[in-house]
Amino acid sequence: MKQVDSFYRRKAWQQCRIQVLQRDHYLCQVCIIKGIYTPADVVHHIEHLKDRPDKALDMSNLQSVCHTCHNRLHPEKGNKRYDGSKKKKIKTSVRIIESKSNIERW
């Protein structure tokens, strides 16, 4: 994981990232397919970096996406904190009880 983290700090990645965002007009390419125009803030590797490091800077393997779509594209990352530990899921529910008042008249 450290290799991946250091990759994203490299100048070559930063420059490539900007080129991809500019190419895609800073719009989420997943949302555009749905007819929705959402600003992109993430550049996504279509073929994952860990699986295809040879395509790390290949612009045909990169697309601009919004944060929400990126989380959908990576469901395995959505439940983790920055330190790698999993978030604890808390179940919440609301129970509505309907009661009829019993008004006694004196």
Protein backbone atom coordinates (compact mmCIF):
# COMPACT_ATOMS: atom_id res chain seq x y z
CA MET A 1 0.00 0.00 0.00
CA LYS A 2 2.93 2.34 0.63
CA GLN A 3 3.94 2.07 -3.03
CA VAL A 4 0.47 3.17 -4.11
CA ASP A 5 0.46 6.07 -1.63
CA SER A 6 3.86 7.29 -2.81
CA PHE A 7 2.72 7.05 -6.45
CA TYR A 8 -0.02 9.63 -5.85
CA ARG A 9 2.54 12.08 -4.44
CA ARG A 10 4.75 11.98 -7.55
CA LYS A 11 4.91 14.97 -9.85
CA ALA A 12 4.22 12.78 -12.92
CA TRP A 13 0.89 11.67 -11.39
CA GLN A 14 -0.07 15.21 -10.38
CA GLN A 15 0.52 16.44 -13.94
CA CYS A 16 -1.31 13.50 -15.50
CA ARG A 17 -4.22 13.99 -13.10
CA ILE A 18 -4.61 17.63 -14.16
CA GLN A 19 -4.49 16.66 -17.84
CA VAL A 20 -7.26 14.08 -17.33
CA LEU A 21 -9.45 16.56 -15.43
CA GLN A 22 -8.94 19.15 -18.19
CA ARG A 23 -9.64 16.58 -20.91
CA ASP A 24 -12.92 15.68 -19.18
CA HIS A 25 -13.76 19.35 -18.52
CA TYR A 26 -13.70 18.67 -14.76
CA LEU A 27 -16.96 16.71 -15.06
CA CYS A 28 -17.75 13.27 -13.66
CA GLN A 29 -17.77 10.86 -16.59
CA VAL A 30 -20.03 8.38 -14.76
CA CYS A 31 -22.68 11.02 -14.02
CA ILE A 32 -22.56 12.37 -17.59
CA ILE A 33 -23.67 8.96 -18.88
CA LYS A 34 -26.79 9.43 -16.71
CA GLY A 35 -27.32 12.97 -18.06
CA ILE A 36 -26.18 14.59 -14.81
CA TYR A 37 -23.43 17.22 -14.74
CA THR A 38 -21.38 16.86 -11.56
CA PRO A 39 -17.95 18.39 -10.90
CA ALA A 40 -15.20 15.78 -10.82
CA ASP A 41 -12.69 15.85 -7.97
CA VAL A 42 -11.07 12.41 -8.41
CA VAL A 43 -9.20 10.74 -11.27
CA HIS A 44 -10.03 7.02 -11.33
CA HIS A 45 -7.90 4.19 -12.72
CA ILE A 46 -10.32 2.09 -14.79
CA GLU A 47 -7.97 -0.88 -14.49
CA HIS A 48 -6.81 -0.60 -10.89
CA LEU A 49 -3.31 0.62 -10.19
CA LYS A 50 -2.40 -2.40 -8.06
CA ASP A 51 -3.51 -4.76 -10.86
CA ARG A 52 -2.01 -2.83 -13.79
CA PRO A 53 0.86 -0.60 -12.65
CA ASP A 54 1.97 -0.43 -16.30
CA LYS A 55 -1.17 1.67 -17.00
CA ALA A 56 -0.63 4.03 -14.08
CA LEU A 57 -0.17 7.11 -16.30
CA ASP A 58 -2.04 5.86 -19.37
CA MET A 59 -4.68 8.52 -20.01
CA SER A 60 -6.92 5.98 -21.78
CA ASN A 61 -7.09 4.12 -18.44
CA LEU A 62 -8.04 7.22 -16.45
CA GLN A 63 -11.34 9.03 -16.04
CA SER A 64 -12.56 11.98 -14.01
CA VAL A 65 -15.24 11.10 -11.47
CA CYS A 66 -16.96 12.73 -8.53
CA HIS A 67 -16.27 11.52 -5.00
CA THR A 68 -19.64 9.75 -4.78
CA CYS A 69 -19.12 7.77 -7.99
CA HIS A 70 -15.56 6.92 -6.99
CA ASN A 71 -16.88 5.40 -3.76
CA ARG A 72 -19.36 3.36 -5.80
CA LEU A 73 -16.54 2.19 -8.08
CA HIS A 74 -14.55 1.15 -5.00
CA PRO A 75 -17.04 -0.29 -2.49
CA GLU A 76 -14.16 -2.09 -0.76
CA LYS A 77 -12.73 1.28 0.31
CA GLY A 78 -15.95 2.89 1.45
CA ASN A 79 -16.00 1.31 4.88
CA LYS A 80 -12.45 2.16 5.97
CA ARG A 81 -10.90 4.96 7.92
CA TYR A 82 -7.65 6.68 6.99
CA ASP A 83 -5.71 4.37 9.31
CA GLY A 84 -7.05 1.30 7.47
CA SER A 85 -9.33 0.11 10.27
CA LYS A 86 -12.95 -0.56 9.47
CA LYS A 87 -15.69 1.77 10.59
CA LYS A 88 -18.09 0.31 13.08
CA LYS A 89 -21.57 0.14 11.65
CA ILE A 90 -24.24 1.38 13.97
CA LYS A 91 -27.77 0.24 13.36
CA THR A 92 -30.39 2.79 14.14
CA SER A 93 -34.09 2.42 13.93
CA VAL A 94 -37.12 4.35 14.96
CA ARG A 95 -40.23 2.62 16.16
CA ILE A 96 -43.44 4.57 15.85
CA ILE A 97 -46.18 3.54 18.18
CA GLU A 98 -49.64 4.75 17.48
CA SER A 99 -51.87 5.04 20.48
CA LYS A 100 -55.43 6.10 20.77
CA SER A 101 -56.20 8.22 23.72
CA ASN A 102 -58.79 6.94 26.12
CA ILE A 103 -60.48 10.06 27.34
CA GLU A 104 -62.57 9.45 30.39
CA ARG A 105 -65.17 12.04 31.12
CA TRP A 106 -66.26 12.71 34.64
